[in-house]
Amino acid sequence: MSTTRQVEAHRGDVVEVSRRRVGDPGRMGELLQVLGAPEHPHYLVRWEDGHESVLYPGEGTTIRQKAARATAAPKLVLAALTARLVELLRGAGVESELLSPDV
């Protein structure tokens, strides 16, 4: 498995994991700790919803260095709000489709 963009990751960098299914938002989080050997890194990540987990990067994982964090931080809030909205709509039985602004 490989990341979509190889960078040396550091605490505070932003990690993005692309969505797995149509309609699901991607996930964003902040690297809290770099774990493992350089040839097999994994990371402790705090996700936009506040929970923490260990991430083994794979296909669709992008790590953005701290310089990009200033612009990525508002996206973390927006991603969390979007995820909450999708959850509320699904819970209410409302069918919806989430489109990426990149389309």
PDB file of N, CA and C in Angstrom:
ATOM      1  N   MET A   1       0.836  -1.170   0.000  1.00  0.00           N
ATOM      2  CA  MET A   1       0.000   0.000   0.000  1.00  0.00           C
ATOM      3  C   MET A   1       0.884   1.235   0.000  1.00  0.00           C
ATOM      4  N   SER A   2       0.433   2.247  -0.695  1.00  0.00           N
ATOM      5  CA  SER A   2       1.207   3.473  -0.721  1.00  0.00           C
ATOM      6  C   SER A   2       0.268   4.659  -0.647  1.00  0.00           C
ATOM      7  N   THR A   3       0.797   5.784  -0.176  1.00  0.00           N
ATOM      8  CA  THR A   3      -0.016   6.982  -0.121  1.00  0.00           C
ATOM      9  C   THR A   3      -0.026   7.611  -1.500  1.00  0.00           C
ATOM     10  N   THR A   4      -1.011   8.470  -1.729  1.00  0.00           N
ATOM     11  CA  THR A   4      -1.095   9.104  -3.029  1.00  0.00           C
ATOM     12  C   THR A   4      -0.011  10.166  -3.190  1.00  0.00           C
ATOM     13  N   ARG A   5       0.543  10.616  -2.085  1.00  0.00           N
ATOM     14  CA  ARG A   5       1.598  11.612  -2.147  1.00  0.00           C
ATOM     15  C   ARG A   5       2.577  11.322  -1.023  1.00  0.00           C
ATOM     16  N   GLN A   6       3.814  11.006  -1.369  1.00  0.00           N
ATOM     17  CA  GLN A   6       4.809  10.672  -0.356  1.00  0.00           C
ATOM     18  C   GLN A   6       5.443  11.949   0.197  1.00  0.00           C
ATOM     19  N   VAL A   7       5.294  12.186   1.480  1.00  0.00           N
ATOM     20  CA  VAL A   7       5.957  13.291   2.159  1.00  0.00           C
ATOM     21  C   VAL A   7       6.426  12.788   3.509  1.00  0.00           C
ATOM     22  N   GLU A   8       7.412  13.456   4.049  1.00  0.00           N
ATOM     23  CA  GLU A   8       7.819  13.125   5.411  1.00  0.00           C
ATOM     24  C   GLU A   8       6.844  13.819   6.346  1.00  0.00           C
ATOM     25  N   ALA A   9       6.128  13.050   7.105  1.00  0.00           N
ATOM     26  CA  ALA A   9       5.078  13.586   7.967  1.00  0.00           C
ATOM     27  C   ALA A   9       5.633  14.003   9.322  1.00  0.00           C
ATOM     28  N   HIS A  10       5.016  15.036   9.872  1.00  0.00           N
ATOM     29  CA  HIS A  10       5.403  15.556  11.183  1.00  0.00           C
ATOM     30  C   HIS A  10       4.145  15.850  11.991  1.00  0.00           C
ATOM     31  N   ARG A  11       4.327  15.922  13.294  1.00  0.00           N
ATOM     32  CA  ARG A  11       3.227  16.281  14.190  1.00  0.00           C
ATOM     33  C   ARG A  11       2.634  17.605  13.721  1.00  0.00           C
ATOM     34  N   GLY A  12       1.301  17.673  13.660  1.00  0.00           N
ATOM     35  CA  GLY A  12       0.627  18.896  13.251  1.00  0.00           C
ATOM     36  C   GLY A  12       0.234  18.923  11.784  1.00  0.00           C
ATOM     37  N   ASP A  13       0.796  18.030  10.975  1.00  0.00           N
ATOM     38  CA  ASP A  13       0.416  17.968   9.567  1.00  0.00           C
ATOM     39  C   ASP A  13      -1.031  17.514   9.452  1.00  0.00           C
ATOM     40  N   VAL A  14      -1.644  17.814   8.316  1.00  0.00           N
ATOM     41  CA  VAL A  14      -3.034  17.446   8.061  1.00  0.00           C
ATOM     42  C   VAL A  14      -3.067  16.217   7.175  1.00  0.00           C
ATOM     43  N   VAL A  15      -3.884  15.243   7.555  1.00  0.00           N
ATOM     44  CA  VAL A  15      -4.046  14.032   6.753  1.00  0.00           C
ATOM     45  C   VAL A  15      -5.460  14.032   6.176  1.00  0.00           C
ATOM     46  N   GLU A  16      -5.561  13.693   4.895  1.00  0.00           N
ATOM     47  CA  GLU A  16      -6.851  13.577   4.222  1.00  0.00           C
ATOM     48  C   GLU A  16      -6.976  12.162   3.674  1.00  0.00           C
ATOM     49  N   VAL A  17      -8.114  11.550   3.909  1.00  0.00           N
ATOM     50  CA  VAL A  17      -8.396  10.220   3.376  1.00  0.00           C
ATOM     51  C   VAL A  17      -9.625  10.369   2.490  1.00  0.00           C
ATOM     52  N   SER A  18      -9.491  10.004   1.207  1.00  0.00           N
ATOM     53  CA  SER A  18     -10.604  10.170   0.284  1.00  0.00           C
ATOM     54  C   SER A  18     -11.752   9.246   0.648  1.00  0.00           C
ATOM     55  N   ARG A  19     -12.922   9.598   0.176  1.00  0.00           N
ATOM     56  CA  ARG A  19     -14.123   8.825   0.504  1.00  0.00           C
ATOM     57  C   ARG A  19     -14.067   7.438  -0.105  1.00  0.00           C
ATOM     58  N   ARG A  20     -14.778   6.507   0.532  1.00  0.00           N
ATOM     59  CA  ARG A  20     -14.792   5.120   0.066  1.00  0.00           C
ATOM     60  C   ARG A  20     -15.988   4.818  -0.814  1.00  0.00           C
ATOM     61  N   ARG A  21     -17.111   5.508  -0.559  1.00  0.00           N
ATOM     62  CA  ARG A  21     -18.325   5.280  -1.337  1.00  0.00           C
ATOM     63  C   ARG A  21     -18.874   6.625  -1.799  1.00  0.00           C
ATOM     64  N   VAL A  22     -19.611   6.615  -2.893  1.00  0.00           N
ATOM     65  CA  VAL A  22     -20.255   7.824  -3.381  1.00  0.00           C
ATOM     66  C   VAL A  22     -21.205   8.325  -2.308  1.00  0.00           C
ATOM     67  N   GLY A  23     -21.143   9.614  -2.040  1.00  0.00           N
ATOM     68  CA  GLY A  23     -22.004  10.205  -1.026  1.00  0.00           C
ATOM     69  C   GLY A  23     -21.359  10.326   0.335  1.00  0.00           C
ATOM     70  N   ASP A  24     -20.321   9.554   0.577  1.00  0.00           N
ATOM     71  CA  ASP A  24     -19.607   9.665   1.846  1.00  0.00           C
ATOM     72  C   ASP A  24     -18.558  10.765   1.731  1.00  0.00           C
ATOM     73  N   PRO A  25     -18.480  11.637   2.737  1.00  0.00           N
ATOM     74  CA  PRO A  25     -17.424  12.647   2.687  1.00  0.00           C
ATOM     75  C   PRO A  25     -16.073  12.008   2.999  1.00  0.00           C
ATOM     76  N   GLY A  26     -15.018  12.596   2.501  1.00  0.00           N
ATOM     77  CA  GLY A  26     -13.684  12.146   2.892  1.00  0.00           C
ATOM     78  C   GLY A  26     -13.466  12.517   4.350  1.00  0.00           C
ATOM     79  N   ARG A  27     -12.339  12.111   4.882  1.00  0.00           N
ATOM     80  CA  ARG A  27     -12.032  12.407   6.281  1.00  0.00           C
ATOM     81  C   ARG A  27     -10.777  13.256   6.350  1.00  0.00           C
ATOM     82  N   MET A  28     -10.750  14.155   7.324  1.00  0.00           N
ATOM     83  CA  MET A  28      -9.562  14.969   7.561  1.00  0.00           C
ATOM     84  C   MET A  28      -9.217  14.889   9.034  1.00  0.00           C
ATOM     85  N   GLY A  29      -7.934  14.968   9.316  1.00  0.00           N
ATOM     86  CA  GLY A  29      -7.493  14.950  10.696  1.00  0.00           C
ATOM     87  C   GLY A  29      -6.123  15.569  10.845  1.00  0.00           C
ATOM     88  N   GLU A  30      -5.696  15.679  12.077  1.00  0.00           N
ATOM     89  CA  GLU A  30      -4.383  16.243  12.401  1.00  0.00           C
ATOM     90  C   GLU A  30      -3.497  15.140  12.955  1.00  0.00           C
ATOM     91  N   LEU A  31      -2.262  15.069  12.444  1.00  0.00           N
ATOM     92  CA  LEU A  31      -1.308  14.085  12.942  1.00  0.00           C
ATOM     93  C   LEU A  31      -0.852  14.503  14.329  1.00  0.00           C
ATOM     94  N   LEU A  32      -1.070  13.621  15.286  1.00  0.00           N
ATOM     95  CA  LEU A  32      -0.633  13.878  16.657  1.00  0.00           C
ATOM     96  C   LEU A  32       0.725  13.269  16.931  1.00  0.00           C
ATOM     97  N   GLN A  33       1.008  12.133  16.248  1.00  0.00           N
ATOM     98  CA  GLN A  33       2.269  11.434  16.494  1.00  0.00           C
ATOM     99  C   GLN A  33       2.595  10.550  15.294  1.00  0.00           C
ATOM    100  N   VAL A  34       3.878  10.526  14.928  1.00  0.00           N
ATOM    101  CA  VAL A  34       4.356   9.630  13.877  1.00  0.00           C
ATOM    102  C   VAL A  34       4.856   8.367  14.559  1.00  0.00           C
ATOM    103  N   LEU A  35       4.332   7.218  14.160  1.00  0.00           N
ATOM    104  CA  LEU A  35       4.678   5.935  14.766  1.00  0.00           C
ATOM    105  C   LEU A  35       5.375   5.055  13.731  1.00  0.00           C
ATOM    106  N   GLY A  36       6.048   4.037  14.170  1.00  0.00           N
ATOM    107  CA  GLY A  36       6.641   3.062  13.262  1.00  0.00           C
ATOM    108  C   GLY A  36       7.934   3.531  12.625  1.00  0.00           C
ATOM    109  N   ALA A  37       8.555   2.613  11.909  1.00  0.00           N
ATOM    110  CA  ALA A  37       9.807   2.891  11.208  1.00  0.00           C
ATOM    111  C   ALA A  37       9.531   3.699   9.947  1.00  0.00           C
ATOM    112  N   PRO A  38      10.525   4.457   9.452  1.00  0.00           N
ATOM    113  CA  PRO A  38      10.325   5.269   8.254  1.00  0.00           C
ATOM    114  C   PRO A  38       9.842   4.476   7.033  1.00  0.00           C
ATOM    115  N   GLU A  39      10.254   3.213   6.927  1.00  0.00           N
ATOM    116  CA  GLU A  39       9.824   2.418   5.773  1.00  0.00           C
ATOM    117  C   GLU A  39       8.398   1.868   5.940  1.00  0.00           C
ATOM    118  N   HIS A  40       7.830   1.968   7.131  1.00  0.00           N
ATOM    119  CA  HIS A  40       6.460   1.501   7.377  1.00  0.00           C
ATOM    120  C   HIS A  40       5.787   2.424   8.399  1.00  0.00           C
ATOM    121  N   PRO A  41       5.583   3.702   8.014  1.00  0.00           N
ATOM    122  CA  PRO A  41       5.029   4.652   8.984  1.00  0.00           C
ATOM    123  C   PRO A  41       3.538   4.444   9.221  1.00  0.00           C
ATOM    124  N   HIS A  42       3.116   4.786  10.394  1.00  0.00           N
ATOM    125  CA  HIS A  42       1.709   4.903  10.711  1.00  0.00           C
ATOM    126  C   HIS A  42       1.594   6.044  11.708  1.00  0.00           C
ATOM    127  N   TYR A  43       0.380   6.522  11.908  1.00  0.00           N
ATOM    128  CA  TYR A  43       0.212   7.781  12.610  1.00  0.00           C
ATOM    129  C   TYR A  43      -0.943   7.728  13.603  1.00  0.00           C
ATOM    130  N   LEU A  44      -0.782   8.463  14.695  1.00  0.00           N
ATOM    131  CA  LEU A  44      -1.884   8.712  15.608  1.00  0.00           C
ATOM    132  C   LEU A  44      -2.544   9.988  15.085  1.00  0.00           C
ATOM    133  N   VAL A  45      -3.843   9.900  14.784  1.00  0.00           N
ATOM    134  CA  VAL A  45      -4.556  11.007  14.149  1.00  0.00           C
ATOM    135  C   VAL A  45      -5.765  11.406  14.988  1.00  0.00           C
ATOM    136  N   ARG A  46      -5.988  12.712  15.123  1.00  0.00           N
ATOM    137  CA  ARG A  46      -7.232  13.219  15.700  1.00  0.00           C
ATOM    138  C   ARG A  46      -8.085  13.670  14.527  1.00  0.00           C
ATOM    139  N   TRP A  47      -9.225  12.991  14.336  1.00  0.00           N
ATOM    140  CA  TRP A  47     -10.107  13.260  13.210  1.00  0.00           C
ATOM    141  C   TRP A  47     -10.988  14.469  13.490  1.00  0.00           C
ATOM    142  N   GLU A  48     -11.607  15.000  12.425  1.00  0.00           N
ATOM    143  CA  GLU A  48     -12.406  16.215  12.553  1.00  0.00           C
ATOM    144  C   GLU A  48     -13.586  16.054  13.511  1.00  0.00           C
ATOM    145  N   ASP A  49     -14.024  14.821  13.763  1.00  0.00           N
ATOM    146  CA  ASP A  49     -15.122  14.611  14.715  1.00  0.00           C
ATOM    147  C   ASP A  49     -14.620  14.500  16.157  1.00  0.00           C
ATOM    148  N   GLY A  50     -13.282  14.622  16.357  1.00  0.00           N
ATOM    149  CA  GLY A  50     -12.709  14.634  17.698  1.00  0.00           C
ATOM    150  C   GLY A  50     -12.142  13.314  18.184  1.00  0.00           C
ATOM    151  N   HIS A  51     -12.485  12.195  17.524  1.00  0.00           N
ATOM    152  CA  HIS A  51     -11.934  10.925  18.010  1.00  0.00           C
ATOM    153  C   HIS A  51     -10.530  10.714  17.455  1.00  0.00           C
ATOM    154  N   GLU A  52      -9.780   9.869  18.136  1.00  0.00           N
ATOM    155  CA  GLU A  52      -8.400   9.585  17.739  1.00  0.00           C
ATOM    156  C   GLU A  52      -8.264   8.118  17.378  1.00  0.00           C
ATOM    157  N   SER A  53      -7.410   7.845  16.391  1.00  0.00           N
ATOM    158  CA  SER A  53      -7.141   6.457  16.006  1.00  0.00           C
ATOM    159  C   SER A  53      -5.779   6.380  15.343  1.00  0.00           C
ATOM    160  N   VAL A  54      -5.291   5.149  15.179  1.00  0.00           N
ATOM    161  CA  VAL A  54      -4.030   4.915  14.480  1.00  0.00           C
ATOM    162  C   VAL A  54      -4.359   4.683  13.005  1.00  0.00           C
ATOM    163  N   LEU A  55      -3.665   5.399  12.132  1.00  0.00           N
ATOM    164  CA  LEU A  55      -3.877   5.307  10.687  1.00  0.00           C
ATOM    165  C   LEU A  55      -2.663   4.679  10.026  1.00  0.00           C
ATOM    166  N   TYR A  56      -2.905   3.625   9.264  1.00  0.00           N
ATOM    167  CA  TYR A  56      -1.890   3.056   8.385  1.00  0.00           C
ATOM    168  C   TYR A  56      -2.230   3.575   7.002  1.00  0.00           C
ATOM    169  N   PRO A  57      -1.444   4.513   6.453  1.00  0.00           N
ATOM    170  CA  PRO A  57      -1.834   5.141   5.194  1.00  0.00           C
ATOM    171  C   PRO A  57      -1.900   4.144   4.043  1.00  0.00           C
ATOM    172  N   GLY A  58      -2.841   4.361   3.180  1.00  0.00           N
ATOM    173  CA  GLY A  58      -3.024   3.504   2.016  1.00  0.00           C
ATOM    174  C   GLY A  58      -3.471   4.328   0.837  1.00  0.00           C
ATOM    175  N   GLU A  59      -4.039   3.647  -0.127  1.00  0.00           N
ATOM    176  CA  GLU A  59      -4.557   4.303  -1.322  1.00  0.00           C
ATOM    177  C   GLU A  59      -5.533   5.403  -0.920  1.00  0.00           C
ATOM    178  N   GLY A  60      -5.384   6.574  -1.485  1.00  0.00           N
ATOM    179  CA  GLY A  60      -6.302   7.661  -1.179  1.00  0.00           C
ATOM    180  C   GLY A  60      -5.938   8.482   0.041  1.00  0.00           C
ATOM    181  N   THR A  61      -4.761   8.249   0.622  1.00  0.00           N
ATOM    182  CA  THR A  61      -4.319   9.026   1.781  1.00  0.00           C
ATOM    183  C   THR A  61      -3.348  10.102   1.327  1.00  0.00           C
ATOM    184  N   THR A  62      -3.604  11.337   1.730  1.00  0.00           N
ATOM    185  CA  THR A  62      -2.734  12.463   1.401  1.00  0.00           C
ATOM    186  C   THR A  62      -2.338  13.162   2.691  1.00  0.00           C
ATOM    187  N   ILE A  63      -1.071  13.503   2.808  1.00  0.00           N
ATOM    188  CA  ILE A  63      -0.583  14.234   3.978  1.00  0.00           C
ATOM    189  C   ILE A  63      -0.089  15.590   3.511  1.00  0.00           C
ATOM    190  N   ARG A  64      -0.639  16.618   4.119  1.00  0.00           N
ATOM    191  CA  ARG A  64      -0.262  17.989   3.764  1.00  0.00           C
ATOM    192  C   ARG A  64       0.582  18.560   4.912  1.00  0.00           C
ATOM    193  N   GLN A  65       1.695  19.140   4.541  1.00  0.00           N
ATOM    194  CA  GLN A  65       2.604  19.671   5.546  1.00  0.00           C
ATOM    195  C   GLN A  65       2.017  20.882   6.251  1.00  0.00           C
ATOM    196  N   LYS A  66       2.614  21.229   7.387  1.00  0.00           N
ATOM    197  CA  LYS A  66       2.117  22.304   8.241  1.00  0.00           C
ATOM    198  C   LYS A  66       1.832  23.601   7.494  1.00  0.00           C
ATOM    199  N   ALA A  67       2.619  23.923   6.494  1.00  0.00           N
ATOM    200  CA  ALA A  67       2.407  25.162   5.752  1.00  0.00           C
ATOM    201  C   ALA A  67       0.997  25.212   5.175  1.00  0.00           C
ATOM    202  N   ALA A  68       0.447  24.072   4.820  1.00  0.00           N
ATOM    203  CA  ALA A  68      -0.902  24.006   4.267  1.00  0.00           C
ATOM    204  C   ALA A  68      -1.962  23.991   5.361  1.00  0.00           C
ATOM    205  N   ARG A  69      -1.565  23.814   6.606  1.00  0.00           N
ATOM    206  CA  ARG A  69      -2.531  23.718   7.705  1.00  0.00           C
ATOM    207  C   ARG A  69      -3.352  24.979   7.874  1.00  0.00           C
ATOM    208  N   ALA A  70      -2.762  26.135   7.622  1.00  0.00           N
ATOM    209  CA  ALA A  70      -3.497  27.380   7.826  1.00  0.00           C
ATOM    210  C   ALA A  70      -4.750  27.425   6.965  1.00  0.00           C
ATOM    211  N   THR A  71      -4.667  26.935   5.737  1.00  0.00           N
ATOM    212  CA  THR A  71      -5.844  26.919   4.869  1.00  0.00           C
ATOM    213  C   THR A  71      -6.667  25.662   5.075  1.00  0.00           C
ATOM    214  N   ALA A  72      -6.077  24.597   5.586  1.00  0.00           N
ATOM    215  CA  ALA A  72      -6.807  23.341   5.758  1.00  0.00           C
ATOM    216  C   ALA A  72      -7.642  23.338   7.034  1.00  0.00           C
ATOM    217  N   ALA A  73      -7.259  24.114   8.054  1.00  0.00           N
ATOM    218  CA  ALA A  73      -7.985  24.107   9.322  1.00  0.00           C
ATOM    219  C   ALA A  73      -9.465  24.433   9.158  1.00  0.00           C
ATOM    220  N   PRO A  74      -9.861  25.468   8.388  1.00  0.00           N
ATOM    221  CA  PRO A  74     -11.291  25.707   8.200  1.00  0.00           C
ATOM    222  C   PRO A  74     -11.987  24.540   7.514  1.00  0.00           C
ATOM    223  N   LYS A  75     -11.278  23.810   6.663  1.00  0.00           N
ATOM    224  CA  LYS A  75     -11.857  22.650   6.000  1.00  0.00           C
ATOM    225  C   LYS A  75     -12.193  21.559   7.012  1.00  0.00           C
ATOM    226  N   LEU A  76     -11.409  21.454   8.087  1.00  0.00           N
ATOM    227  CA  LEU A  76     -11.694  20.465   9.122  1.00  0.00           C
ATOM    228  C   LEU A  76     -13.056  20.743   9.752  1.00  0.00           C
ATOM    229  N   VAL A  77     -13.346  22.004  10.038  1.00  0.00           N
ATOM    230  CA  VAL A  77     -14.620  22.377  10.631  1.00  0.00           C
ATOM    231  C   VAL A  77     -15.743  22.114   9.632  1.00  0.00           C
ATOM    232  N   LEU A  78     -15.541  22.536   8.375  1.00  0.00           N
ATOM    233  CA  LEU A  78     -16.554  22.324   7.348  1.00  0.00           C
ATOM    234  C   LEU A  78     -16.811  20.840   7.115  1.00  0.00           C
ATOM    235  N   ALA A  79     -15.757  20.032   7.103  1.00  0.00           N
ATOM    236  CA  ALA A  79     -15.910  18.587   6.912  1.00  0.00           C
ATOM    237  C   ALA A  79     -16.712  17.977   8.060  1.00  0.00           C
ATOM    238  N   ALA A  80     -16.466  18.408   9.274  1.00  0.00           N
ATOM    239  CA  ALA A  80     -17.205  17.889  10.425  1.00  0.00           C
ATOM    240  C   ALA A  80     -18.677  18.287  10.344  1.00  0.00           C
ATOM    241  N   LEU A  81     -18.940  19.523   9.940  1.00  0.00           N
ATOM    242  CA  LEU A  81     -20.316  19.977   9.802  1.00  0.00           C
ATOM    243  C   LEU A  81     -21.035  19.229   8.680  1.00  0.00           C
ATOM    244  N   THR A  82     -20.334  19.010   7.584  1.00  0.00           N
ATOM    245  CA  THR A  82     -20.914  18.271   6.464  1.00  0.00           C
ATOM    246  C   THR A  82     -21.234  16.841   6.880  1.00  0.00           C
ATOM    247  N   ALA A  83     -20.301  16.190   7.581  1.00  0.00           N
ATOM    248  CA  ALA A  83     -20.526  14.825   8.045  1.00  0.00           C
ATOM    249  C   ALA A  83     -21.738  14.771   8.973  1.00  0.00           C
ATOM    250  N   ARG A  84     -21.877  15.764   9.843  1.00  0.00           N
ATOM    251  CA  ARG A  84     -23.020  15.804  10.779  1.00  0.00           C
ATOM    252  C   ARG A  84     -24.326  15.994  10.012  1.00  0.00           C
ATOM    253  N   LEU A  85     -24.324  16.859   9.000  1.00  0.00           N
ATOM    254  CA  LEU A  85     -25.521  17.087   8.199  1.00  0.00           C
ATOM    255  C   LEU A  85     -25.943  15.812   7.473  1.00  0.00           C
ATOM    256  N   VAL A  86     -24.983  15.114   6.870  1.00  0.00           N
ATOM    257  CA  VAL A  86     -25.277  13.855   6.182  1.00  0.00           C
ATOM    258  C   VAL A  86     -25.857  12.844   7.164  1.00  0.00           C
ATOM    259  N   GLU A  87     -25.275  12.768   8.357  1.00  0.00           N
ATOM    260  CA  GLU A  87     -25.771  11.851   9.394  1.00  0.00           C
ATOM    261  C   GLU A  87     -27.216  12.179   9.789  1.00  0.00           C
ATOM    262  N   LEU A  88     -27.516  13.463   9.963  1.00  0.00           N
ATOM    263  CA  LEU A  88     -28.874  13.876  10.321  1.00  0.00           C
ATOM    264  C   LEU A  88     -29.865  13.563   9.202  1.00  0.00           C
ATOM    265  N   LEU A  89     -29.475  13.813   7.961  1.00  0.00           N
ATOM    266  CA  LEU A  89     -30.361  13.524   6.829  1.00  0.00           C
ATOM    267  C   LEU A  89     -30.651  12.030   6.719  1.00  0.00           C
ATOM    268  N   ARG A  90     -29.590  11.226   6.851  1.00  0.00           N
ATOM    269  CA  ARG A  90     -29.781   9.769   6.783  1.00  0.00           C
ATOM    270  C   ARG A  90     -30.674   9.281   7.925  1.00  0.00           C
ATOM    271  N   GLY A  91     -30.456   9.832   9.116  1.00  0.00           N
ATOM    272  CA  GLY A  91     -31.259   9.450  10.271  1.00  0.00           C
ATOM    273  C   GLY A  91     -32.734   9.807  10.101  1.00  0.00           C
ATOM    274  N   ALA A  92     -32.990  10.860   9.339  1.00  0.00           N
ATOM    275  CA  ALA A  92     -34.368  11.286   9.088  1.00  0.00           C
ATOM    276  C   ALA A  92     -34.965  10.576   7.876  1.00  0.00           C
ATOM    277  N   GLY A  93     -34.175   9.712   7.241  1.00  0.00           N
ATOM    278  CA  GLY A  93     -34.672   8.979   6.079  1.00  0.00           C
ATOM    279  C   GLY A  93     -34.688   9.796   4.806  1.00  0.00           C
ATOM    280  N   VAL A  94     -33.960  10.902   4.781  1.00  0.00           N
ATOM    281  CA  VAL A  94     -33.915  11.761   3.599  1.00  0.00           C
ATOM    282  C   VAL A  94     -32.817  11.269   2.671  1.00  0.00           C
ATOM    283  N   GLU A  95     -33.190  11.033   1.419  1.00  0.00           N
ATOM    284  CA  GLU A  95     -32.186  10.639   0.437  1.00  0.00           C
ATOM    285  C   GLU A  95     -31.464  11.887  -0.047  1.00  0.00           C
ATOM    286  N   SER A  96     -30.153  11.825  -0.112  1.00  0.00           N
ATOM    287  CA  SER A  96     -29.371  12.972  -0.553  1.00  0.00           C
ATOM    288  C   SER A  96     -28.133  12.482  -1.277  1.00  0.00           C
ATOM    289  N   GLU A  97     -27.529  13.400  -1.996  1.00  0.00           N
ATOM    290  CA  GLU A  97     -26.284  13.097  -2.691  1.00  0.00           C
ATOM    291  C   GLU A  97     -25.312  14.214  -2.397  1.00  0.00           C
ATOM    292  N   LEU A  98     -24.147  13.872  -1.945  1.00  0.00           N
ATOM    293  CA  LEU A  98     -23.124  14.845  -1.600  1.00  0.00           C
ATOM    294  C   LEU A  98     -22.173  14.949  -2.783  1.00  0.00           C
ATOM    295  N   LEU A  99     -22.088  16.121  -3.376  1.00  0.00           N
ATOM    296  CA  LEU A  99     -21.207  16.334  -4.523  1.00  0.00           C
ATOM    297  C   LEU A  99     -19.956  17.060  -4.094  1.00  0.00           C
ATOM    298  N   SER A 100     -18.844  16.670  -4.652  1.00  0.00           N
ATOM    299  CA  SER A 100     -17.570  17.313  -4.365  1.00  0.00           C
ATOM    300  C   SER A 100     -17.501  18.657  -5.100  1.00  0.00           C
ATOM    301  N   PRO A 101     -16.962  19.685  -4.464  1.00  0.00           N
ATOM    302  CA  PRO A 101     -16.826  20.980  -5.164  1.00  0.00           C
ATOM    303  C   PRO A 101     -15.806  20.909  -6.294  1.00  0.00           C
ATOM    304  N   ASP A 102     -15.026  19.830  -6.341  1.00  0.00           N
ATOM    305  CA  ASP A 102     -14.018  19.676  -7.387  1.00  0.00           C
ATOM    306  C   ASP A 102     -14.632  19.239  -8.705  1.00  0.00           C
ATOM    307  N   VAL A 103     -15.906  18.838  -8.686  1.00  0.00           N
ATOM    308  CA  VAL A 103     -16.561  18.337  -9.893  1.00  0.00           C
ATOM    309  C   VAL A 103     -17.099  19.452 -10.716  1.00  0.00           C
TER     310      VAL A 103
END
